Amino acid sequence: MSEEKLPKGQKERNDAYNTYVERVTPTHNLWMNMAKAFVLGGIICVIGQVIINIGTDAFGLEDKDAATWCSLILVLASVILTSLNVYPSFANWGGAGALVPITGFANGVCASAIEFQKEGQVFGIGCQIFRIAGPVILYGIFSSWILGIFYWIGTCFGLW
């Protein structure tokens, strides 16, 4: 509806609403958010590398075994920090830097379990635990299936 046809007082209400929306809408600095994600993701990766180095040097583990222990320790740390309500603060500050690594996946599963525990073991935790992580699993499996078909077709035609 054009401004000439608005009922009396509607233009003032619209202007007041638009001013309110501009005032309360958060502004984001893309470059700062990317820098924070890079720093936090890098810190998580450095911690993982330190765990792998300790596993191979101090405990004499093979690289594969040290990497397995690294994943387990990072997931455990993420679950503990989520349970203590610390990891969400990291994710709020670092965005994708905290949510993309394996620690973010563990955070998503643990947060759902914590949120729905009051509904019981079966209908709460059991039914809702993969509420956040479920789509990641679904589309990860589906996309790997599609890529597997492309790879299979490529091998049939001698492309790979």
Protein backbone atom coordinates (compact mmCIF):
# COMPACT_ATOMS: atom_id res chain seq x y z
CA MET A 1 0.00 0.00 0.00
CA SER A 2 1.42 3.37 -0.93
CA GLU A 3 1.99 5.98 1.75
CA GLU A 4 -0.77 8.23 0.37
CA LYS A 5 -3.42 5.56 1.03
CA LEU A 6 -2.35 4.69 4.58
CA PRO A 7 -4.89 5.31 7.35
CA LYS A 8 -4.25 8.25 9.65
CA GLY A 9 -1.38 7.56 12.06
CA GLN A 10 -0.21 4.43 10.20
CA LYS A 11 2.80 6.20 8.64
CA GLU A 12 3.96 7.38 12.07
CA ARG A 13 3.56 3.85 13.48
CA ASN A 14 5.50 2.41 10.54
CA ASP A 15 8.30 4.94 10.98
CA ALA A 16 8.45 4.29 14.73
CA TYR A 17 8.54 0.54 14.12
CA ASN A 18 11.31 0.83 11.52
CA THR A 19 13.33 2.99 13.91
CA TYR A 20 12.84 0.39 16.66
CA VAL A 21 13.89 -2.47 14.37
CA GLU A 22 17.06 -0.62 13.34
CA ARG A 23 17.87 0.06 16.98
CA VAL A 24 17.44 -3.53 18.25
CA THR A 25 18.81 -5.42 15.24
CA PRO A 26 22.34 -6.56 16.06
CA THR A 27 25.07 -5.43 13.74
CA HIS A 28 27.80 -7.86 12.79
CA ASN A 29 31.29 -7.26 11.56
CA LEU A 30 31.95 -10.06 9.07
CA TRP A 31 35.73 -9.71 9.18
CA MET A 32 35.80 -9.73 12.98
CA ASN A 33 33.53 -12.80 13.11
CA MET A 34 35.77 -14.62 10.64
CA ALA A 35 38.86 -13.68 12.67
CA LYS A 36 37.27 -14.95 15.89
CA ALA A 37 36.23 -18.21 14.20
CA PHE A 38 39.75 -18.62 12.82
CA VAL A 39 41.35 -18.02 16.22
CA LEU A 40 39.01 -20.31 18.18
CA GLY A 41 39.07 -23.05 15.56
CA GLY A 42 42.84 -22.75 15.46
CA ILE A 43 43.08 -23.06 19.24
CA ILE A 44 40.96 -26.22 19.15
CA CYS A 45 43.17 -27.63 16.38
CA VAL A 46 46.36 -26.77 18.30
CA ILE A 47 44.97 -28.52 21.38
CA GLY A 48 44.23 -31.54 19.21
CA GLN A 49 47.74 -31.53 17.78
CA VAL A 50 49.23 -31.28 21.28
CA ILE A 51 47.15 -34.30 22.34
CA ILE A 52 48.39 -36.25 19.30
CA ASN A 53 52.02 -35.26 19.96
CA ILE A 54 51.76 -36.25 23.61
CA GLY A 55 50.17 -39.55 22.60
CA THR A 56 52.92 -40.40 20.15
CA ASP A 57 55.89 -39.05 22.13
CA ALA A 58 55.03 -39.67 25.78
CA PHE A 59 52.87 -42.78 25.44
CA GLY A 60 54.44 -44.33 22.34
CA LEU A 61 51.17 -44.63 20.43
CA GLU A 62 50.98 -45.08 16.69
CA ASP A 63 49.72 -42.03 14.78
CA LYS A 64 46.32 -43.65 14.14
CA ASP A 65 45.86 -44.56 17.81
CA ALA A 66 46.94 -41.10 18.97
CA ALA A 67 44.44 -39.51 16.56
CA THR A 68 41.69 -41.75 17.95
CA TRP A 69 42.55 -40.72 21.50
CA CYS A 70 42.63 -37.09 20.37
CA SER A 71 39.08 -37.34 19.03
CA LEU A 72 37.86 -39.04 22.20
CA ILE A 73 39.48 -36.46 24.48
CA LEU A 74 38.16 -33.50 22.45
CA VAL A 75 34.63 -34.95 22.46
CA LEU A 76 34.82 -35.60 26.20
CA ALA A 77 36.11 -32.08 26.86
CA SER A 78 33.31 -30.62 24.74
CA VAL A 79 30.66 -32.62 26.59
CA ILE A 80 32.05 -31.60 29.98
CA LEU A 81 32.27 -27.92 28.97
CA THR A 82 28.73 -28.06 27.54
CA SER A 83 27.46 -29.63 30.77
CA LEU A 84 29.10 -26.82 32.75
CA ASN A 85 27.52 -24.26 30.37
CA VAL A 86 30.96 -23.03 29.26
CA TYR A 87 31.08 -24.27 25.66
CA PRO A 88 28.06 -22.20 24.57
CA SER A 89 30.04 -19.09 25.55
CA PHE A 90 32.88 -20.24 23.31
CA ALA A 91 30.44 -20.88 20.48
CA ASN A 92 28.81 -17.50 20.97
CA TRP A 93 32.18 -15.76 20.75
CA GLY A 94 33.87 -17.87 18.07
CA GLY A 95 30.90 -18.96 15.98
CA ALA A 96 31.84 -21.53 13.37
CA GLY A 97 35.30 -21.90 14.91
CA ALA A 98 33.65 -23.72 17.83
CA LEU A 99 30.81 -25.38 15.94
CA VAL A 100 32.52 -26.88 12.89
CA PRO A 101 35.12 -29.17 14.55
CA ILE A 102 34.17 -32.47 16.19
CA THR A 103 33.74 -30.55 19.44
CA GLY A 104 30.78 -28.68 17.95
CA PHE A 105 29.08 -31.95 17.02
CA ALA A 106 29.55 -33.25 20.57
CA ASN A 107 28.21 -29.94 21.90
CA GLY A 108 25.07 -30.30 19.74
CA VAL A 109 24.34 -33.82 20.98
CA CYS A 110 25.07 -32.99 24.62
CA ALA A 111 23.03 -29.77 24.56
CA SER A 112 20.00 -31.67 23.25
CA ALA A 113 20.40 -34.33 25.93
CA ILE A 114 20.59 -31.69 28.65
CA GLU A 115 17.63 -29.75 27.30
CA PHE A 116 15.28 -32.74 27.06
CA GLN A 117 16.37 -34.74 30.12
CA LYS A 118 13.36 -33.47 32.10
CA GLU A 119 11.08 -35.33 29.68
CA GLY A 120 12.59 -38.68 30.66
CA GLN A 121 15.11 -41.17 29.37
CA VAL A 122 13.08 -42.52 26.44
CA PHE A 123 10.85 -39.73 25.20
CA GLY A 124 13.19 -36.96 26.30
CA ILE A 125 16.81 -37.90 25.81
CA GLY A 126 16.24 -40.95 23.61
CA CYS A 127 13.93 -39.26 21.12
CA GLN A 128 15.47 -35.79 21.10
CA ILE A 129 19.22 -36.32 21.49
CA PHE A 130 19.91 -36.00 17.76
CA ARG A 131 17.60 -33.02 17.23
CA ILE A 132 20.54 -30.77 16.29
CA ALA A 133 23.01 -33.42 15.11
CA GLY A 134 20.49 -35.52 13.18
CA PRO A 135 20.43 -33.37 10.04
CA VAL A 136 24.23 -33.29 10.04
CA ILE A 137 24.34 -37.08 10.14
CA LEU A 138 21.58 -37.43 7.53
CA TYR A 139 23.05 -35.05 4.99
CA GLY A 140 26.59 -36.24 5.65
CA ILE A 141 25.61 -39.82 4.86
CA PHE A 142 23.47 -38.77 1.89
CA SER A 143 26.18 -36.59 0.34
CA SER A 144 28.80 -39.31 0.82
CA TRP A 145 26.42 -41.77 -0.87
CA ILE A 146 26.01 -39.41 -3.86
CA LEU A 147 29.77 -38.87 -4.08
CA GLY A 148 30.27 -42.64 -3.85
CA ILE A 149 27.98 -43.11 -6.86
CA PHE A 150 29.97 -40.51 -8.81
CA TYR A 151 33.20 -42.25 -7.83
CA TRP A 152 31.79 -45.64 -8.85
CA ILE A 153 30.67 -44.27 -12.22
CA GLY A 154 34.08 -42.68 -12.67
CA THR A 155 35.85 -45.96 -11.96
CA CYS A 156 33.54 -47.79 -14.40
CA PHE A 157 34.60 -45.39 -17.16
CA GLY A 158 38.27 -45.40 -16.12
CA LEU A 159 38.30 -41.77 -14.92
CA TRP A 160 39.90 -42.64 -11.58
